[in-house]
Amino acid sequence: EVHASPKRNMVLFSRAIAQACCRTPCRSVHPWTRAPQRLFQRQARQPGTEQPRAHLVQPQQGGTGSRTLTKSLLFALGCSGASFVGASIWQYENMRHEAKVYLENRRVRPFARDYKYGAFRQQLNQWYNGLSEGTKVAYAIIGVNVAVFLMWRVPRLQPTMVRYFSSNPASRSVCLPMVLSTFSHSSLVHLCANMLVLTSFAPAAVALWGKEQFVAMYLSAGVLSSFASYLHKVATKRPAMSLGASGAILAVIAAMCVQYPDAQLAIIFLPFFTFSAGMALKAIVTMDVAGILLKWQLLDHAAHLGGSIFGIAYILYGQEVWKRREVVMKTWHDISFYIRGN
């Protein structure tokens, strides 16, 4: 469903990539996981001493065989399907609400206007209403990521964060972290880099798809990139914990590069050096393939590659799936009509 003209979408995308430039999203492999026992240390100073005392947080261990992959694959497919079903219902409710507001605004109500009191509240309301839908969605996602980042700073929450907000095929909790780790960053630099890229590309993607489809695609990309990470770790027998939004973000970038392959990109500090979006996508995929083959460990290249592949596949075939949402919307309409009784 196209919400803006192709020409306007091209302009939005060109601006986005010009702003993003060299800011590369990254899904990091947590440095603590490099220890053979995968121990996680937090330094705390003992009262009355100069020597720090190490508190060890060790995640519960599970299997890393075919059962783990089967379980995580079924969860990834189910979560992706649920995301698009939920997005279809969300879009239906938004359309219903907009129609209701339109009909109410046509009525003459001289004194029914809802006034906003306070200068600050008026300015805040004007600022928010002036944002594009894509920017609003990006800010909402950023808010969730910042909240999770702050949770990482709470010592008592460390066991919970390690278990549920970082993905690891060797952990007892393998399904839920596939989603939650997409919103999880333990490093401020990691968080800022990914969120800057998100704010650059989200407006163009939302203008093309609409906010409902974008959110469904983003969540699906996150969970499927986590499965790609699991698949690689189990195949190489090197389980480690990873976290970050880059799998989902790279899916969005890849989709936009396929949609607008001739859009010219430039590096932020080298504006005179331009290249096409298609070439940029090839470079990203090549780097991640090289990272997997050469066993680079700083980033989770399998998750990156999984996100890019999903983004390419979605822009080529995903629209056909999204067009079939009318079945879901009609079913939801019948259910809601029965529940509301009108």
C-alpha atoms as a PDB file:
ATOM      1  CA  GLU A   1       0.000   0.000   0.000  1.00  0.00           C
ATOM      2  CA  VAL A   2       1.720   3.189  -1.183  1.00  0.00           C
ATOM      3  CA  HIS A   3       1.066   6.253   0.952  1.00  0.00           C
ATOM      4  CA  ALA A   4       3.107   8.706  -1.132  1.00  0.00           C
ATOM      5  CA  SER A   5       4.087   9.129  -4.742  1.00  0.00           C
ATOM      6  CA  PRO A   6       7.187   7.242  -5.984  1.00  0.00           C
ATOM      7  CA  LYS A   7       8.917  10.537  -6.665  1.00  0.00           C
ATOM      8  CA  ARG A   8       8.313  11.786  -3.122  1.00  0.00           C
ATOM      9  CA  ASN A   9       9.440   8.455  -1.701  1.00  0.00           C
ATOM     10  CA  MET A  10      12.656   8.725  -3.707  1.00  0.00           C
ATOM     11  CA  VAL A  11      13.283  12.195  -2.269  1.00  0.00           C
ATOM     12  CA  LEU A  12      12.619  10.991   1.277  1.00  0.00           C
ATOM     13  CA  PHE A  13      14.929   8.030   0.810  1.00  0.00           C
ATOM     14  CA  SER A  14      17.701  10.165  -0.695  1.00  0.00           C
ATOM     15  CA  ARG A  15      17.540  12.529   2.256  1.00  0.00           C
ATOM     16  CA  ALA A  16      17.575   9.635   4.684  1.00  0.00           C
ATOM     17  CA  ILE A  17      20.650   8.006   3.269  1.00  0.00           C
ATOM     18  CA  ALA A  18      22.427  11.344   2.963  1.00  0.00           C
ATOM     19  CA  GLN A  19      21.887  11.870   6.680  1.00  0.00           C
ATOM     20  CA  ALA A  20      22.801   8.316   7.622  1.00  0.00           C
ATOM     21  CA  CYS A  21      25.991   8.242   5.561  1.00  0.00           C
ATOM     22  CA  CYS A  22      28.570   6.044   7.271  1.00  0.00           C
ATOM     23  CA  ARG A  23      26.588   5.287  10.404  1.00  0.00           C
ATOM     24  CA  THR A  24      26.561   1.499  10.222  1.00  0.00           C
ATOM     25  CA  PRO A  25      24.116  -0.346  12.477  1.00  0.00           C
ATOM     26  CA  CYS A  26      25.637  -3.120  14.508  1.00  0.00           C
ATOM     27  CA  ARG A  27      24.311  -6.079  16.399  1.00  0.00           C
ATOM     28  CA  SER A  28      27.101  -6.718  18.855  1.00  0.00           C
ATOM     29  CA  VAL A  29      28.366  -9.920  20.351  1.00  0.00           C
ATOM     30  CA  HIS A  30      28.641  -9.176  24.038  1.00  0.00           C
ATOM     31  CA  PRO A  31      32.345  -9.063  25.040  1.00  0.00           C
ATOM     32  CA  TRP A  32      31.612 -10.858  28.307  1.00  0.00           C
ATOM     33  CA  THR A  33      30.640 -13.968  26.381  1.00  0.00           C
ATOM     34  CA  ARG A  34      34.159 -14.626  25.138  1.00  0.00           C
ATOM     35  CA  ALA A  35      35.024 -16.444  28.366  1.00  0.00           C
ATOM     36  CA  PRO A  36      34.780 -20.250  27.975  1.00  0.00           C
ATOM     37  CA  GLN A  37      32.166 -20.523  30.725  1.00  0.00           C
ATOM     38  CA  ARG A  38      30.295 -17.465  29.394  1.00  0.00           C
ATOM     39  CA  LEU A  39      30.469 -15.699  32.746  1.00  0.00           C
ATOM     40  CA  PHE A  40      29.267 -12.139  33.150  1.00  0.00           C
ATOM     41  CA  GLN A  41      31.161 -10.005  35.645  1.00  0.00           C
ATOM     42  CA  ARG A  42      30.024  -6.911  37.462  1.00  0.00           C
ATOM     43  CA  GLN A  43      32.571  -5.150  39.665  1.00  0.00           C
ATOM     44  CA  ALA A  44      31.400  -3.950  43.084  1.00  0.00           C
ATOM     45  CA  ARG A  45      33.606  -2.384  45.731  1.00  0.00           C
ATOM     46  CA  GLN A  46      33.551  -4.118  49.108  1.00  0.00           C
ATOM     47  CA  PRO A  47      33.009  -1.758  52.067  1.00  0.00           C
ATOM     48  CA  GLY A  48      36.258  -0.886  53.801  1.00  0.00           C
ATOM     49  CA  THR A  49      38.532  -2.364  51.155  1.00  0.00           C
ATOM     50  CA  GLU A  50      40.259  -1.190  48.010  1.00  0.00           C
ATOM     51  CA  GLN A  51      39.888  -4.438  46.114  1.00  0.00           C
ATOM     52  CA  PRO A  52      36.739  -4.905  44.014  1.00  0.00           C
ATOM     53  CA  ARG A  53      34.671  -8.035  44.430  1.00  0.00           C
ATOM     54  CA  ALA A  54      33.355  -9.749  41.310  1.00  0.00           C
ATOM     55  CA  HIS A  55      29.752 -10.892  41.165  1.00  0.00           C
ATOM     56  CA  LEU A  56      29.199 -13.518  38.531  1.00  0.00           C
ATOM     57  CA  VAL A  57      25.946 -13.787  36.634  1.00  0.00           C
ATOM     58  CA  GLN A  58      25.765 -17.037  34.705  1.00  0.00           C
ATOM     59  CA  PRO A  59      22.789 -17.647  32.411  1.00  0.00           C
ATOM     60  CA  GLN A  60      20.999 -20.944  32.647  1.00  0.00           C
ATOM     61  CA  GLN A  61      22.304 -23.280  29.993  1.00  0.00           C
ATOM     62  CA  GLY A  62      20.225 -25.258  27.541  1.00  0.00           C
ATOM     63  CA  GLY A  63      20.864 -27.326  24.455  1.00  0.00           C
ATOM     64  CA  THR A  64      22.200 -26.143  21.104  1.00  0.00           C
ATOM     65  CA  GLY A  65      20.999 -28.937  18.831  1.00  0.00           C
ATOM     66  CA  SER A  66      18.295 -29.382  16.236  1.00  0.00           C
ATOM     67  CA  ARG A  67      15.528 -29.161  18.838  1.00  0.00           C
ATOM     68  CA  THR A  68      16.656 -25.660  19.740  1.00  0.00           C
ATOM     69  CA  LEU A  69      16.665 -24.594  16.092  1.00  0.00           C
ATOM     70  CA  THR A  70      13.273 -26.162  15.431  1.00  0.00           C
ATOM     71  CA  LYS A  71      11.782 -24.457  18.463  1.00  0.00           C
ATOM     72  CA  SER A  72      13.269 -21.079  17.570  1.00  0.00           C
ATOM     73  CA  LEU A  73      12.224 -21.380  13.905  1.00  0.00           C
ATOM     74  CA  LEU A  74       8.620 -22.122  14.828  1.00  0.00           C
ATOM     75  CA  PHE A  75       8.649 -19.188  17.227  1.00  0.00           C
ATOM     76  CA  ALA A  76      10.128 -16.877  14.585  1.00  0.00           C
ATOM     77  CA  LEU A  77       7.497 -17.845  12.019  1.00  0.00           C
ATOM     78  CA  GLY A  78       4.694 -17.587  14.563  1.00  0.00           C
ATOM     79  CA  CYS A  79       5.896 -14.220  15.829  1.00  0.00           C
ATOM     80  CA  SER A  80       6.196 -12.869  12.289  1.00  0.00           C
ATOM     81  CA  GLY A  81       2.718 -14.062  11.400  1.00  0.00           C
ATOM     82  CA  ALA A  82       1.287 -12.596  14.590  1.00  0.00           C
ATOM     83  CA  SER A  83       3.017  -9.284  13.829  1.00  0.00           C
ATOM     84  CA  PHE A  84       1.318  -8.953  10.455  1.00  0.00           C
ATOM     85  CA  VAL A  85      -2.043 -10.095  11.788  1.00  0.00           C
ATOM     86  CA  GLY A  86      -1.743  -7.525  14.563  1.00  0.00           C
ATOM     87  CA  ALA A  87      -0.712  -4.859  12.061  1.00  0.00           C
ATOM     88  CA  SER A  88      -3.771  -5.626   9.930  1.00  0.00           C
ATOM     89  CA  ILE A  89      -6.063  -5.261  12.944  1.00  0.00           C
ATOM     90  CA  TRP A  90      -4.239  -2.079  13.957  1.00  0.00           C
ATOM     91  CA  GLN A  91      -4.759  -0.608  10.499  1.00  0.00           C
ATOM     92  CA  TYR A  92      -8.438  -1.559  10.553  1.00  0.00           C
ATOM     93  CA  GLU A  93      -8.944   0.154  13.924  1.00  0.00           C
ATOM     94  CA  ASN A  94      -7.081   3.250  12.716  1.00  0.00           C
ATOM     95  CA  MET A  95      -9.269   3.454   9.619  1.00  0.00           C
ATOM     96  CA  ARG A  96     -12.380   3.022  11.733  1.00  0.00           C
ATOM     97  CA  HIS A  97     -11.240   5.731  14.145  1.00  0.00           C
ATOM     98  CA  GLU A  98     -10.412   8.164  11.339  1.00  0.00           C
ATOM     99  CA  ALA A  99     -13.826   7.615   9.765  1.00  0.00           C
ATOM    100  CA  LYS A 100     -15.503   8.223  13.116  1.00  0.00           C
ATOM    101  CA  VAL A 101     -13.546  11.438  13.697  1.00  0.00           C
ATOM    102  CA  TYR A 102     -14.349  12.647  10.186  1.00  0.00           C
ATOM    103  CA  LEU A 103     -18.071  12.145  10.711  1.00  0.00           C
ATOM    104  CA  GLU A 104     -17.976  13.870  14.098  1.00  0.00           C
ATOM    105  CA  ASN A 105     -16.105  16.871  12.695  1.00  0.00           C
ATOM    106  CA  ARG A 106     -18.829  17.409  10.101  1.00  0.00           C
ATOM    107  CA  ARG A 107     -21.349  18.100  12.820  1.00  0.00           C
ATOM    108  CA  VAL A 108     -21.826  21.652  14.040  1.00  0.00           C
ATOM    109  CA  ARG A 109     -20.736  21.906  17.662  1.00  0.00           C
ATOM    110  CA  PRO A 110     -19.952  25.550  18.505  1.00  0.00           C
ATOM    111  CA  PHE A 111     -18.728  24.854  22.024  1.00  0.00           C
ATOM    112  CA  ALA A 112     -17.483  21.308  21.709  1.00  0.00           C
ATOM    113  CA  ARG A 113     -13.895  22.153  20.883  1.00  0.00           C
ATOM    114  CA  ASP A 114     -11.250  20.661  23.152  1.00  0.00           C
ATOM    115  CA  TYR A 115      -8.889  23.491  24.082  1.00  0.00           C
ATOM    116  CA  LYS A 116      -5.299  22.920  25.145  1.00  0.00           C
ATOM    117  CA  TYR A 117      -4.338  25.000  28.142  1.00  0.00           C
ATOM    118  CA  GLY A 118      -0.789  26.112  28.836  1.00  0.00           C
ATOM    119  CA  ALA A 119       1.808  27.491  26.452  1.00  0.00           C
ATOM    120  CA  PHE A 120       4.198  24.574  26.934  1.00  0.00           C
ATOM    121  CA  ARG A 121       1.490  22.032  26.244  1.00  0.00           C
ATOM    122  CA  GLN A 122       0.459  23.897  23.104  1.00  0.00           C
ATOM    123  CA  GLN A 123       4.046  24.039  21.859  1.00  0.00           C
ATOM    124  CA  LEU A 124       4.559  20.360  22.606  1.00  0.00           C
ATOM    125  CA  ASN A 125       1.345  19.483  20.807  1.00  0.00           C
ATOM    126  CA  GLN A 126       2.315  21.573  17.772  1.00  0.00           C
ATOM    127  CA  TRP A 127       5.777  20.003  17.685  1.00  0.00           C
ATOM    128  CA  TYR A 128       4.410  16.466  17.833  1.00  0.00           C
ATOM    129  CA  ASN A 129       1.723  17.115  15.228  1.00  0.00           C
ATOM    130  CA  GLY A 130       4.381  18.543  12.930  1.00  0.00           C
ATOM    131  CA  LEU A 131       6.344  15.285  12.921  1.00  0.00           C
ATOM    132  CA  SER A 132       5.925  12.821  10.094  1.00  0.00           C
ATOM    133  CA  GLU A 133       4.421   9.404  10.802  1.00  0.00           C
ATOM    134  CA  GLY A 134       7.801   7.810  10.201  1.00  0.00           C
ATOM    135  CA  THR A 135       9.511  10.062  12.720  1.00  0.00           C
ATOM    136  CA  LYS A 136       6.823   9.339  15.308  1.00  0.00           C
ATOM    137  CA  VAL A 137       7.280   5.604  14.845  1.00  0.00           C
ATOM    138  CA  ALA A 138      11.057   5.956  15.067  1.00  0.00           C
ATOM    139  CA  TYR A 139      10.803   7.973  18.295  1.00  0.00           C
ATOM    140  CA  ALA A 140       8.506   5.342  19.803  1.00  0.00           C
ATOM    141  CA  ILE A 141      11.010   2.590  18.997  1.00  0.00           C
ATOM    142  CA  ILE A 142      13.834   4.733  20.363  1.00  0.00           C
ATOM    143  CA  GLY A 143      11.893   5.212  23.590  1.00  0.00           C
ATOM    144  CA  VAL A 144      11.618   1.449  24.062  1.00  0.00           C
ATOM    145  CA  ASN A 145      15.326   0.977  23.325  1.00  0.00           C
ATOM    146  CA  VAL A 146      16.327   3.695  25.783  1.00  0.00           C
ATOM    147  CA  ALA A 147      14.143   2.145  28.492  1.00  0.00           C
ATOM    148  CA  VAL A 148      15.797  -1.245  27.966  1.00  0.00           C
ATOM    149  CA  PHE A 149      19.238   0.392  27.971  1.00  0.00           C
ATOM    150  CA  LEU A 150      18.493   1.970  31.356  1.00  0.00           C
ATOM    151  CA  MET A 151      17.391  -1.417  32.666  1.00  0.00           C
ATOM    152  CA  TRP A 152      20.862  -2.741  31.838  1.00  0.00           C
ATOM    153  CA  ARG A 153      22.258  -0.156  34.270  1.00  0.00           C
ATOM    154  CA  VAL A 154      20.327  -1.613  37.232  1.00  0.00           C
ATOM    155  CA  PRO A 155      22.532  -4.251  38.950  1.00  0.00           C
ATOM    156  CA  ARG A 156      19.622  -6.248  40.336  1.00  0.00           C
ATOM    157  CA  LEU A 157      18.176  -6.661  36.856  1.00  0.00           C
ATOM    158  CA  GLN A 158      21.355  -8.141  35.358  1.00  0.00           C
ATOM    159  CA  PRO A 159      20.230 -11.802  35.558  1.00  0.00           C
ATOM    160  CA  THR A 160      16.909 -10.905  33.921  1.00  0.00           C
ATOM    161  CA  MET A 161      18.570  -8.830  31.202  1.00  0.00           C
ATOM    162  CA  VAL A 162      21.104 -11.548  30.440  1.00  0.00           C
ATOM    163  CA  ARG A 163      18.417 -14.205  30.169  1.00  0.00           C
ATOM    164  CA  TYR A 164      15.671 -12.378  28.288  1.00  0.00           C
ATOM    165  CA  PHE A 165      17.249  -9.363  26.552  1.00  0.00           C
ATOM    166  CA  SER A 166      20.249 -11.035  24.917  1.00  0.00           C
ATOM    167  CA  SER A 167      19.896 -13.908  22.467  1.00  0.00           C
ATOM    168  CA  ASN A 168      21.906 -17.079  22.908  1.00  0.00           C
ATOM    169  CA  PRO A 169      21.040 -20.531  21.526  1.00  0.00           C
ATOM    170  CA  ALA A 170      22.744 -22.102  24.556  1.00  0.00           C
ATOM    171  CA  SER A 171      20.398 -20.388  27.002  1.00  0.00           C
ATOM    172  CA  ARG A 172      17.320 -22.049  28.470  1.00  0.00           C
ATOM    173  CA  SER A 173      15.287 -19.087  27.197  1.00  0.00           C
ATOM    174  CA  VAL A 174      15.735 -19.068  23.433  1.00  0.00           C
ATOM    175  CA  CYS A 175      12.406 -17.806  22.079  1.00  0.00           C
ATOM    176  CA  LEU A 176      11.464 -14.606  23.889  1.00  0.00           C
ATOM    177  CA  PRO A 177      15.014 -13.156  23.656  1.00  0.00           C
ATOM    178  CA  MET A 178      14.743 -13.366  19.862  1.00  0.00           C
ATOM    179  CA  VAL A 179      12.295 -10.455  20.075  1.00  0.00           C
ATOM    180  CA  LEU A 180      13.488  -8.618  23.175  1.00  0.00           C
ATOM    181  CA  SER A 181      17.151  -8.549  22.129  1.00  0.00           C
ATOM    182  CA  THR A 182      16.097  -6.484  19.101  1.00  0.00           C
ATOM    183  CA  PHE A 183      15.390  -3.604  21.508  1.00  0.00           C
ATOM    184  CA  SER A 184      18.399  -4.252  23.736  1.00  0.00           C
ATOM    185  CA  HIS A 185      21.711  -2.376  23.852  1.00  0.00           C
ATOM    186  CA  SER A 186      24.181  -2.522  26.722  1.00  0.00           C
ATOM    187  CA  SER A 187      26.524   0.109  25.241  1.00  0.00           C
ATOM    188  CA  LEU A 188      25.649   3.784  24.792  1.00  0.00           C
ATOM    189  CA  VAL A 189      27.665   4.011  21.562  1.00  0.00           C
ATOM    190  CA  HIS A 190      25.888   0.938  20.205  1.00  0.00           C
ATOM    191  CA  LEU A 191      22.500   2.407  21.108  1.00  0.00           C
ATOM    192  CA  CYS A 192      23.186   5.840  19.617  1.00  0.00           C
ATOM    193  CA  ALA A 193      24.595   4.456  16.365  1.00  0.00           C
ATOM    194  CA  ASN A 194      21.626   2.191  15.716  1.00  0.00           C
ATOM    195  CA  MET A 195      19.021   4.768  16.686  1.00  0.00           C
ATOM    196  CA  LEU A 196      20.589   7.443  14.466  1.00  0.00           C
ATOM    197  CA  VAL A 197      20.370   5.107  11.499  1.00  0.00           C
ATOM    198  CA  LEU A 198      16.786   4.230  12.404  1.00  0.00           C
ATOM    199  CA  THR A 199      15.710   7.883  12.465  1.00  0.00           C
ATOM    200  CA  SER A 200      17.327   8.365   9.052  1.00  0.00           C
ATOM    201  CA  PHE A 201      15.606   5.492   7.244  1.00  0.00           C
ATOM    202  CA  ALA A 202      12.298   5.062   9.084  1.00  0.00           C
ATOM    203  CA  PRO A 203      10.537   8.107   7.526  1.00  0.00           C
ATOM    204  CA  ALA A 204      11.123   6.859   3.971  1.00  0.00           C
ATOM    205  CA  ALA A 205      10.033   3.318   4.848  1.00  0.00           C
ATOM    206  CA  VAL A 206       6.876   4.446   6.650  1.00  0.00           C
ATOM    207  CA  ALA A 207       6.004   6.762   3.748  1.00  0.00           C
ATOM    208  CA  LEU A 208       6.219   3.750   1.440  1.00  0.00           C
ATOM    209  CA  TRP A 209       4.446   1.140   3.578  1.00  0.00           C
ATOM    210  CA  GLY A 210       2.512   2.927   6.285  1.00  0.00           C
ATOM    211  CA  LYS A 211       3.268   2.693   9.993  1.00  0.00           C
ATOM    212  CA  GLU A 212       1.367  -0.547  10.569  1.00  0.00           C
ATOM    213  CA  GLN A 213       3.174  -2.512   7.878  1.00  0.00           C
ATOM    214  CA  PHE A 214       6.508  -0.971   8.888  1.00  0.00           C
ATOM    215  CA  VAL A 215       6.173  -2.082  12.517  1.00  0.00           C
ATOM    216  CA  ALA A 216       5.197  -5.607  11.453  1.00  0.00           C
ATOM    217  CA  MET A 217       8.128  -5.787   9.065  1.00  0.00           C
ATOM    218  CA  TYR A 218      10.520  -4.407  11.699  1.00  0.00           C
ATOM    219  CA  LEU A 219       9.483  -6.957  14.334  1.00  0.00           C
ATOM    220  CA  SER A 220       9.605  -9.821  11.837  1.00  0.00           C
ATOM    221  CA  ALA A 221      13.054  -8.771  10.669  1.00  0.00           C
ATOM    222  CA  GLY A 222      14.291  -8.638  14.250  1.00  0.00           C
ATOM    223  CA  VAL A 223      13.129 -12.118  15.175  1.00  0.00           C
ATOM    224  CA  LEU A 224      14.210 -13.707  11.874  1.00  0.00           C
ATOM    225  CA  SER A 225      17.660 -12.119  12.074  1.00  0.00           C
ATOM    226  CA  SER A 226      17.947 -13.597  15.572  1.00  0.00           C
ATOM    227  CA  PHE A 227      17.142 -17.008  14.109  1.00  0.00           C
ATOM    228  CA  ALA A 228      19.859 -16.508  11.476  1.00  0.00           C
ATOM    229  CA  SER A 229      22.252 -15.786  14.328  1.00  0.00           C
ATOM    230  CA  TYR A 230      21.151 -18.959  16.127  1.00  0.00           C
ATOM    231  CA  LEU A 231      21.595 -21.006  12.969  1.00  0.00           C
ATOM    232  CA  HIS A 232      25.155 -19.800  12.493  1.00  0.00           C
ATOM    233  CA  LYS A 233      26.128 -20.266  16.135  1.00  0.00           C
ATOM    234  CA  VAL A 234      24.771 -23.807  16.268  1.00  0.00           C
ATOM    235  CA  ALA A 235      26.402 -24.709  12.942  1.00  0.00           C
ATOM    236  CA  THR A 236      29.786 -23.422  14.104  1.00  0.00           C
ATOM    237  CA  LYS A 237      29.286 -24.731  17.663  1.00  0.00           C
ATOM    238  CA  ARG A 238      30.202 -21.317  19.046  1.00  0.00           C
ATOM    239  CA  PRO A 239      27.225 -20.121  21.085  1.00  0.00           C
ATOM    240  CA  ALA A 240      27.556 -16.604  22.415  1.00  0.00           C
ATOM    241  CA  MET A 241      25.210 -13.860  23.470  1.00  0.00           C
ATOM    242  CA  SER A 242      24.337 -11.030  21.107  1.00  0.00           C
ATOM    243  CA  LEU A 243      21.968  -8.092  21.174  1.00  0.00           C
ATOM    244  CA  GLY A 244      21.052  -5.025  19.153  1.00  0.00           C
ATOM    245  CA  ALA A 245      18.571  -3.635  16.642  1.00  0.00           C
ATOM    246  CA  SER A 246      20.808  -3.894  13.595  1.00  0.00           C
ATOM    247  CA  GLY A 247      19.165  -6.998  12.140  1.00  0.00           C
ATOM    248  CA  ALA A 248      15.834  -5.186  11.910  1.00  0.00           C
ATOM    249  CA  ILE A 249      17.429  -1.909  10.786  1.00  0.00           C
ATOM    250  CA  LEU A 250      19.466  -3.580   8.055  1.00  0.00           C
ATOM    251  CA  ALA A 251      16.289  -5.199   6.761  1.00  0.00           C
ATOM    252  CA  VAL A 252      14.780  -1.730   6.355  1.00  0.00           C
ATOM    253  CA  ILE A 253      17.949  -0.413   4.692  1.00  0.00           C
ATOM    254  CA  ALA A 254      18.120  -3.374   2.304  1.00  0.00           C
ATOM    255  CA  ALA A 255      14.473  -2.971   1.346  1.00  0.00           C
ATOM    256  CA  MET A 256      14.942   0.726   0.607  1.00  0.00           C
ATOM    257  CA  CYS A 257      18.084   0.059  -1.431  1.00  0.00           C
ATOM    258  CA  VAL A 258      16.222  -2.476  -3.570  1.00  0.00           C
ATOM    259  CA  GLN A 259      13.234  -0.148  -3.945  1.00  0.00           C
ATOM    260  CA  TYR A 260      15.430   2.796  -4.991  1.00  0.00           C
ATOM    261  CA  PRO A 261      18.643   1.205  -6.373  1.00  0.00           C
ATOM    262  CA  ASP A 262      19.656   4.295  -8.365  1.00  0.00           C
ATOM    263  CA  ALA A 263      19.389   6.718  -5.457  1.00  0.00           C
ATOM    264  CA  GLN A 264      22.735   8.420  -4.930  1.00  0.00           C
ATOM    265  CA  LEU A 265      24.344   8.088  -1.512  1.00  0.00           C
ATOM    266  CA  ALA A 266      27.196  10.042  -0.019  1.00  0.00           C
ATOM    267  CA  ILE A 267      29.461   9.627   2.982  1.00  0.00           C
ATOM    268  CA  ILE A 268      28.883  12.297   5.595  1.00  0.00           C
ATOM    269  CA  PHE A 269      32.491  13.494   5.690  1.00  0.00           C
ATOM    270  CA  LEU A 270      33.076  12.896   1.966  1.00  0.00           C
ATOM    271  CA  PRO A 271      30.065  14.494   0.234  1.00  0.00           C
ATOM    272  CA  PHE A 272      31.892  14.593  -3.094  1.00  0.00           C
ATOM    273  CA  PHE A 273      32.156  10.770  -3.114  1.00  0.00           C
ATOM    274  CA  THR A 274      28.798   9.355  -4.183  1.00  0.00           C
ATOM    275  CA  PHE A 275      27.601   5.859  -4.984  1.00  0.00           C
ATOM    276  CA  SER A 276      24.295   4.187  -5.732  1.00  0.00           C
ATOM    277  CA  ALA A 277      22.083   2.528  -3.148  1.00  0.00           C
ATOM    278  CA  GLY A 278      22.418  -0.726  -5.059  1.00  0.00           C
ATOM    279  CA  MET A 279      26.199  -0.630  -4.697  1.00  0.00           C
ATOM    280  CA  ALA A 280      25.878   0.191  -1.005  1.00  0.00           C
ATOM    281  CA  LEU A 281      23.699  -2.865  -0.451  1.00  0.00           C
ATOM    282  CA  LYS A 282      26.178  -5.087  -2.271  1.00  0.00           C
ATOM    283  CA  ALA A 283      28.971  -3.732  -0.066  1.00  0.00           C
ATOM    284  CA  ILE A 284      26.982  -4.387   3.120  1.00  0.00           C
ATOM    285  CA  VAL A 285      26.146  -7.963   2.121  1.00  0.00           C
ATOM    286  CA  THR A 286      29.727  -8.623   1.000  1.00  0.00           C
ATOM    287  CA  MET A 287      31.114  -7.390   4.312  1.00  0.00           C
ATOM    288  CA  ASP A 288      28.779  -9.623   6.318  1.00  0.00           C
ATOM    289  CA  VAL A 289      29.536 -12.661   4.159  1.00  0.00           C
ATOM    290  CA  ALA A 290      33.246 -11.988   4.637  1.00  0.00           C
ATOM    291  CA  GLY A 291      32.704 -11.620   8.378  1.00  0.00           C
ATOM    292  CA  ILE A 292      31.055 -15.044   8.518  1.00  0.00           C
ATOM    293  CA  LEU A 293      33.678 -16.778   6.365  1.00  0.00           C
ATOM    294  CA  LEU A 294      36.625 -15.129   8.114  1.00  0.00           C
ATOM    295  CA  LYS A 295      35.061 -15.679  11.550  1.00  0.00           C
ATOM    296  CA  TRP A 296      35.088 -12.053  12.653  1.00  0.00           C
ATOM    297  CA  GLN A 297      33.710 -11.915  16.189  1.00  0.00           C
ATOM    298  CA  LEU A 298      33.190  -8.237  16.945  1.00  0.00           C
ATOM    299  CA  LEU A 299      29.760  -8.101  15.278  1.00  0.00           C
ATOM    300  CA  ASP A 300      27.044 -10.674  14.719  1.00  0.00           C
ATOM    301  CA  HIS A 301      27.418 -10.844  10.947  1.00  0.00           C
ATOM    302  CA  ALA A 302      24.979 -13.745  10.637  1.00  0.00           C
ATOM    303  CA  ALA A 303      22.220 -11.619  12.160  1.00  0.00           C
ATOM    304  CA  HIS A 304      23.197  -8.728   9.876  1.00  0.00           C
ATOM    305  CA  LEU A 305      23.072 -10.933   6.793  1.00  0.00           C
ATOM    306  CA  GLY A 306      19.787 -12.479   7.879  1.00  0.00           C
ATOM    307  CA  GLY A 307      18.246  -9.040   8.258  1.00  0.00           C
ATOM    308  CA  SER A 308      19.491  -7.909   4.847  1.00  0.00           C
ATOM    309  CA  ILE A 309      18.181 -11.037   3.134  1.00  0.00           C
ATOM    310  CA  PHE A 310      14.788 -10.626   4.779  1.00  0.00           C
ATOM    311  CA  GLY A 311      14.623  -6.977   3.687  1.00  0.00           C
ATOM    312  CA  ILE A 312      15.403  -7.909   0.088  1.00  0.00           C
ATOM    313  CA  ALA A 313      12.860 -10.731   0.094  1.00  0.00           C
ATOM    314  CA  TYR A 314      10.197  -8.563   1.680  1.00  0.00           C
ATOM    315  CA  ILE A 315      10.418  -5.709  -0.797  1.00  0.00           C
ATOM    316  CA  LEU A 316      10.245  -8.239  -3.663  1.00  0.00           C
ATOM    317  CA  TYR A 317       7.503 -10.533  -2.360  1.00  0.00           C
ATOM    318  CA  GLY A 318       6.156  -9.131   0.891  1.00  0.00           C
ATOM    319  CA  GLN A 319       3.680  -6.777  -0.733  1.00  0.00           C
ATOM    320  CA  GLU A 320       1.754  -9.732  -2.135  1.00  0.00           C
ATOM    321  CA  VAL A 321       1.409 -11.123   1.372  1.00  0.00           C
ATOM    322  CA  TRP A 322       0.328  -7.758   2.764  1.00  0.00           C
ATOM    323  CA  LYS A 323      -2.350  -7.372   0.088  1.00  0.00           C
ATOM    324  CA  ARG A 324      -4.079 -10.451   1.484  1.00  0.00           C
ATOM    325  CA  ARG A 325      -4.713  -8.773   4.830  1.00  0.00           C
ATOM    326  CA  GLU A 326      -8.313  -8.082   3.813  1.00  0.00           C
ATOM    327  CA  VAL A 327      -9.178 -11.590   5.030  1.00  0.00           C
ATOM    328  CA  VAL A 328      -7.854 -10.734   8.483  1.00  0.00           C
ATOM    329  CA  MET A 329      -9.550  -7.342   8.501  1.00  0.00           C
ATOM    330  CA  LYS A 330     -12.904  -8.804   7.462  1.00  0.00           C
ATOM    331  CA  THR A 331     -12.665 -11.489  10.135  1.00  0.00           C
ATOM    332  CA  TRP A 332     -11.774  -8.892  12.745  1.00  0.00           C
ATOM    333  CA  HIS A 333     -14.639  -6.698  11.559  1.00  0.00           C
ATOM    334  CA  ASP A 334     -17.097  -9.552  12.071  1.00  0.00           C
ATOM    335  CA  ILE A 335     -15.679 -10.351  15.508  1.00  0.00           C
ATOM    336  CA  SER A 336     -15.662  -6.740  16.670  1.00  0.00           C
ATOM    337  CA  PHE A 337     -19.167  -6.194  15.266  1.00  0.00           C
ATOM    338  CA  TYR A 338     -20.411  -9.145  17.296  1.00  0.00           C
ATOM    339  CA  ILE A 339     -18.624  -7.965  20.459  1.00  0.00           C
ATOM    340  CA  ARG A 340     -19.765  -4.357  20.180  1.00  0.00           C
ATOM    341  CA  GLY A 341     -23.236  -5.385  19.167  1.00  0.00           C
ATOM    342  CA  ASN A 342     -23.575  -2.651  16.560  1.00  0.00           C
END
